[in-house]
N, C-alpha and C. Protein backbone atom coordinates (compact mmCIF):
# COMPACT_ATOMS: atom_id res chain seq x y z
N MET A 1 24.46 -9.25 30.96
CA MET A 1 23.49 -8.99 29.95
C MET A 1 23.63 -7.37 30.15
N LYS A 2 22.97 -6.83 28.56
CA LYS A 2 22.89 -5.42 28.18
C LYS A 2 22.06 -5.08 28.69
N ARG A 3 21.10 -4.45 29.47
CA ARG A 3 20.31 -3.04 29.80
C ARG A 3 19.24 -2.58 28.52
N ASN A 4 20.13 -2.76 28.12
CA ASN A 4 19.11 -1.79 26.17
C ASN A 4 19.33 -2.68 25.14
N TYR A 5 18.70 -3.48 24.15
CA TYR A 5 18.89 -3.98 22.77
C TYR A 5 18.44 -2.71 22.26
N ASP A 6 18.95 -2.59 21.12
CA ASP A 6 18.75 -1.87 19.81
C ASP A 6 18.16 -3.46 18.96
N PHE A 7 17.12 -2.87 18.63
CA PHE A 7 16.22 -3.37 17.58
C PHE A 7 15.67 -2.91 15.99
N SER A 8 16.29 -1.64 15.31
CA SER A 8 15.82 -0.93 15.30
C SER A 8 16.56 -1.47 13.85
N LYS A 9 17.14 -2.49 13.29
CA LYS A 9 17.86 -3.35 12.27
C LYS A 9 17.52 -4.18 12.05
N GLY A 10 16.10 -5.47 13.33
CA GLY A 10 15.61 -5.84 13.37
C GLY A 10 14.76 -6.82 12.06
N ALA A 11 13.91 -7.20 11.98
CA ALA A 11 13.04 -8.20 10.92
C ALA A 11 12.05 -8.65 10.82
N VAL A 12 10.63 -8.51 10.82
CA VAL A 12 9.69 -9.31 11.69
C VAL A 12 9.02 -10.02 10.01
N ILE A 13 9.60 -11.23 11.40
CA ILE A 13 9.81 -13.06 10.24
C ILE A 13 7.98 -13.13 10.35
N LYS A 14 7.13 -13.24 9.43
CA LYS A 14 6.15 -14.57 9.68
C LYS A 14 5.87 -15.60 9.34
N GLY A 15 5.87 -16.43 10.78
CA GLY A 15 5.61 -18.10 10.91
C GLY A 15 7.67 -19.02 11.51
N PRO A 16 7.42 -20.04 10.75
CA PRO A 16 8.41 -20.11 11.48
C PRO A 16 9.81 -19.69 10.03
N ILE A 17 11.27 -19.85 10.41
CA ILE A 17 12.22 -19.12 10.41
C ILE A 17 12.95 -20.60 9.56
N LYS A 18 12.96 -20.93 8.13
CA LYS A 18 13.55 -21.73 7.11
C LYS A 18 14.36 -22.28 6.75
N SER A 19 15.27 -20.81 6.62
CA SER A 19 16.64 -20.32 5.79
C SER A 19 17.27 -19.20 6.12
N LYS A 20 18.25 -18.68 6.24
CA LYS A 20 19.31 -17.70 6.39
C LYS A 20 18.69 -16.90 4.91
N SER A 21 18.32 -17.03 4.23
CA SER A 21 18.17 -16.17 3.19
C SER A 21 16.60 -15.32 3.06
N GLN A 22 15.67 -16.10 3.98
CA GLN A 22 14.55 -15.93 4.44
C GLN A 22 14.35 -14.52 5.15
N VAL A 23 15.80 -14.78 6.14
CA VAL A 23 16.00 -13.84 7.24
C VAL A 23 16.59 -11.94 6.24
N GLU A 24 17.25 -12.71 5.66
CA GLU A 24 17.93 -11.54 4.57
C GLU A 24 17.05 -10.80 4.03
N ASN A 25 16.20 -11.49 3.08
CA ASN A 25 15.00 -10.88 2.33
C ASN A 25 13.95 -10.33 3.39
N ALA A 26 14.15 -10.59 4.63
CA ALA A 26 13.25 -9.86 5.59
C ALA A 26 13.65 -8.66 5.96
N LEU A 27 15.05 -8.59 5.55
CA LEU A 27 15.90 -7.57 6.20
C LEU A 27 15.92 -6.41 5.28
N LYS A 28 15.88 -6.76 3.84
CA LYS A 28 15.90 -5.70 2.45
C LYS A 28 14.92 -5.31 2.58
N GLU A 29 13.53 -5.83 2.87
CA GLU A 29 11.92 -5.56 2.11
C GLU A 29 11.08 -4.80 3.77
N GLN A 30 12.13 -4.07 4.58
CA GLN A 30 11.68 -3.16 5.75
C GLN A 30 11.46 -2.50 5.23
N LYS A 31 10.11 -1.42 5.88
CA LYS A 31 8.62 -0.40 5.56
C LYS A 31 9.44 -0.04 6.22
N THR A 32 9.44 1.74 6.25
CA THR A 32 8.89 2.89 6.52
C THR A 32 7.62 3.76 7.74
N LEU A 33 7.72 3.55 8.58
CA LEU A 33 7.06 4.22 9.12
C LEU A 33 6.75 5.79 8.74
N THR A 34 5.24 6.26 8.40
CA THR A 34 5.05 7.29 8.51
C THR A 34 3.66 7.77 8.45
N SER A 35 3.72 8.88 8.79
CA SER A 35 2.49 9.04 9.37
C SER A 35 1.38 10.28 7.85
N ILE A 36 -0.14 10.48 7.49
CA ILE A 36 -0.38 10.71 6.35
C ILE A 36 -2.07 10.81 6.61
N ARG A 37 -2.09 12.22 5.98
CA ARG A 37 -3.68 12.64 6.72
C ARG A 37 -4.06 12.53 4.77
N LEU A 38 -5.54 11.40 5.42
CA LEU A 38 -6.24 10.94 3.32
C LEU A 38 -8.11 10.69 4.66
N ASP A 39 -8.77 11.66 3.32
CA ASP A 39 -9.84 11.82 3.87
C ASP A 39 -10.88 10.05 4.40
N SER A 40 -10.97 10.73 5.13
CA SER A 40 -12.25 10.00 5.38
C SER A 40 -12.96 8.39 4.64
N ASP A 41 -13.50 8.91 3.36
CA ASP A 41 -14.64 8.55 2.61
C ASP A 41 -13.10 7.35 1.29
N ILE A 42 -11.92 7.64 1.77
CA ILE A 42 -11.17 7.00 0.73
C ILE A 42 -10.36 5.49 1.92
N ILE A 43 -10.68 6.63 2.72
CA ILE A 43 -10.34 4.92 3.73
C ILE A 43 -11.33 3.84 3.82
N ALA A 44 -12.39 4.69 4.07
CA ALA A 44 -12.93 3.57 3.95
C ALA A 44 -13.34 3.19 3.18
N VAL A 45 -13.69 2.94 1.94
CA VAL A 45 -13.19 2.19 0.91
C VAL A 45 -12.11 1.61 0.22
N ALA A 46 -11.10 1.70 1.05
CA ALA A 46 -9.82 1.33 0.88
C ALA A 46 -9.94 -0.06 2.29
N LYS A 47 -10.68 0.36 3.04
CA LYS A 47 -10.83 -1.16 4.14
C LYS A 47 -11.64 -1.73 3.14
N GLN A 48 -13.19 -1.34 2.05
CA GLN A 48 -14.05 -2.61 2.12
C GLN A 48 -13.47 -2.87 1.21
N LYS A 49 -12.24 -2.80 -0.14
CA LYS A 49 -11.54 -3.10 -1.37
C LYS A 49 -10.90 -4.13 -0.44
N ALA A 50 -9.85 -3.72 0.33
CA ALA A 50 -9.26 -4.74 0.85
C ALA A 50 -9.31 -5.95 1.88
N GLN A 51 -10.78 -5.39 2.51
CA GLN A 51 -11.63 -6.32 3.51
C GLN A 51 -11.93 -7.84 1.59
N ASP A 52 -12.54 -7.14 0.50
CA ASP A 52 -12.92 -7.87 -0.39
C ASP A 52 -12.10 -9.33 -0.71
N GLU A 53 -10.49 -8.47 -1.13
CA GLU A 53 -9.05 -8.79 -1.54
C GLU A 53 -8.44 -9.59 -0.90
N GLY A 54 -8.75 -9.38 0.93
CA GLY A 54 -8.50 -10.95 2.02
C GLY A 54 -7.21 -10.30 2.34
N VAL A 55 -7.28 -8.69 2.56
CA VAL A 55 -6.05 -8.19 2.62
C VAL A 55 -6.05 -7.23 4.29
N GLY A 56 -4.97 -6.52 4.26
CA GLY A 56 -4.85 -5.34 5.23
C GLY A 56 -5.27 -4.21 4.81
N TYR A 57 -5.87 -3.58 4.46
CA TYR A 57 -6.23 -1.72 4.31
C TYR A 57 -5.00 -1.35 4.34
N LEU A 58 -4.34 -1.18 4.20
CA LEU A 58 -2.86 -0.50 4.86
C LEU A 58 -2.22 -1.36 3.35
N THR A 59 -1.32 -2.68 3.46
CA THR A 59 -1.27 -3.27 2.24
C THR A 59 -1.89 -3.08 1.12
N TRP A 60 -3.46 -3.36 1.06
CA TRP A 60 -3.85 -2.82 0.05
C TRP A 60 -3.65 -1.20 -0.90
N LEU A 61 -3.59 -0.38 0.24
CA LEU A 61 -3.25 0.72 -0.44
C LEU A 61 -1.96 1.20 -0.32
N ASN A 62 -0.95 0.68 0.06
CA ASN A 62 1.06 0.42 -0.53
C ASN A 62 0.51 -0.15 -1.83
N LYS A 63 -0.14 -1.28 -2.64
CA LYS A 63 -0.23 -1.69 -3.29
C LYS A 63 -0.74 -0.83 -4.75
N LYS A 64 -1.74 -0.08 -4.66
CA LYS A 64 -2.14 0.55 -4.90
C LYS A 64 -1.59 2.17 -5.39
N LEU A 65 -0.41 2.59 -4.42
CA LEU A 65 0.09 3.61 -4.18
C LEU A 65 1.43 3.38 -5.34
N ARG A 66 2.27 2.36 -4.56
CA ARG A 66 3.13 1.58 -5.82
C ARG A 66 2.78 1.45 -7.42
N ASN A 67 1.97 1.06 -7.31
CA ASN A 67 1.26 0.85 -8.64
C ASN A 67 1.21 2.50 -9.61
N ALA A 68 0.31 3.89 -8.89
CA ALA A 68 0.20 4.46 -9.44
C ALA A 68 1.18 5.34 -9.43
N VAL A 69 2.39 5.62 -8.78
CA VAL A 69 3.72 6.19 -8.52
C VAL A 69 4.80 5.53 -9.40
N LEU A 70 5.15 4.61 -9.14
CA LEU A 70 5.62 3.37 -9.78
C LEU A 70 6.07 2.83 -10.88
N GLY A 71 4.70 3.05 -11.04
CA GLY A 71 4.29 2.12 -12.14
C GLY A 71 3.93 0.47 -12.17
N GLU A 72 3.99 0.20 -10.53
CA GLU A 72 4.61 -1.26 -10.88
C GLU A 72 2.72 -2.49 -10.80
N GLU A 73 2.91 -3.06 -11.50
CA GLU A 73 1.78 -4.14 -10.88
C GLU A 73 2.10 -5.54 -10.75
N ALA A 74 1.23 -5.27 -9.48
CA ALA A 74 1.01 -7.35 -9.47
C ALA A 74 1.46 -7.90 -9.92
N LEU A 75 1.89 -9.03 -10.04
CA LEU A 75 1.55 -10.36 -11.23
C LEU A 75 0.46 -10.56 -11.52
N GLU A 76 -0.46 -10.46 -10.23
CA GLU A 76 -2.29 -11.41 -10.58
C GLU A 76 -2.80 -10.44 -10.84
N ASP A 77 -2.87 -9.04 -11.09
CA ASP A 77 -3.12 -7.85 -12.12
C ASP A 77 -2.94 -7.61 -13.20
N ARG A 78 -1.26 -7.87 -13.85
CA ARG A 78 -1.51 -7.69 -15.10
C ARG A 78 -1.53 -10.02 -15.36
N ILE A 79 -2.17 -10.28 -15.00
CA ILE A 79 -2.76 -11.62 -15.29
C ILE A 79 -4.10 -11.49 -15.24
N GLU A 80 -4.65 -11.03 -14.34
CA GLU A 80 -5.83 -10.82 -14.36
C GLU A 80 -6.80 -10.11 -15.57
N LYS A 81 -5.63 -8.79 -16.18
CA LYS A 81 -6.11 -7.70 -17.57
C LYS A 81 -5.72 -8.76 -18.15
N LEU A 82 -4.99 -9.78 -19.08
CA LEU A 82 -4.33 -10.65 -19.81
C LEU A 82 -6.71 -11.66 -20.04
N GLU A 83 -6.29 -11.81 -19.49
CA GLU A 83 -7.59 -12.94 -19.10
C GLU A 83 -9.05 -12.39 -19.86
N LYS A 84 -8.83 -11.02 -19.03
CA LYS A 84 -10.14 -10.23 -19.78
C LYS A 84 -9.51 -9.72 -20.94
N ALA A 85 -9.12 -10.10 -21.39
CA ALA A 85 -8.36 -9.33 -22.46
C ALA A 85 -9.17 -10.62 -24.02
N VAL A 86 -8.43 -12.11 -23.72
CA VAL A 86 -8.59 -12.90 -24.04
C VAL A 86 -9.59 -13.77 -24.33
N PHE A 87 -10.67 -13.57 -23.10
CA PHE A 87 -11.46 -14.34 -22.64
C PHE A 87 -12.28 -13.43 -22.16
N LYS A 88 -12.93 -12.85 -23.83
CA LYS A 88 -13.71 -11.30 -23.30
C LYS A 88 -15.21 -12.32 -22.89
N LYS A 89 -16.17 -11.03 -21.78
CA LYS A 89 -17.76 -12.70 -22.04
C LYS A 89 -18.57 -12.39 -22.85
N LYS A 90 -19.29 -13.32 -23.98
CA LYS A 90 -20.04 -12.78 -24.92
C LYS A 90 -21.29 -12.30 -23.93
N SER A 91 -22.18 -11.46 -24.88
CA SER A 91 -23.28 -10.91 -24.30
C SER A 91 -24.50 -11.34 -25.22
N SER A 92 -25.42 -12.11 -23.38
CA SER A 92 -26.49 -12.81 -24.58
C SER A 92 -27.35 -12.02 -24.61
């Protein structure tokens, strides 16, 4: 047995592994560990909004950054915008 193993190219898969393609997709979607400094009020708001949506705040921040920088929008967000446009609330 080796004394040291290199796991730098490993993938994290939550739950049971069901197929080889699941492992391949996990390897493609690796994230880069970085460190940035953000204002404390931004972190507080991100944590609150992430909790409201039921996700982690780093996941929430990544989603918002992806949308702002790359112009990518989650399918759920696009559907929500369409629903708001089509099914406008009537004023009482």
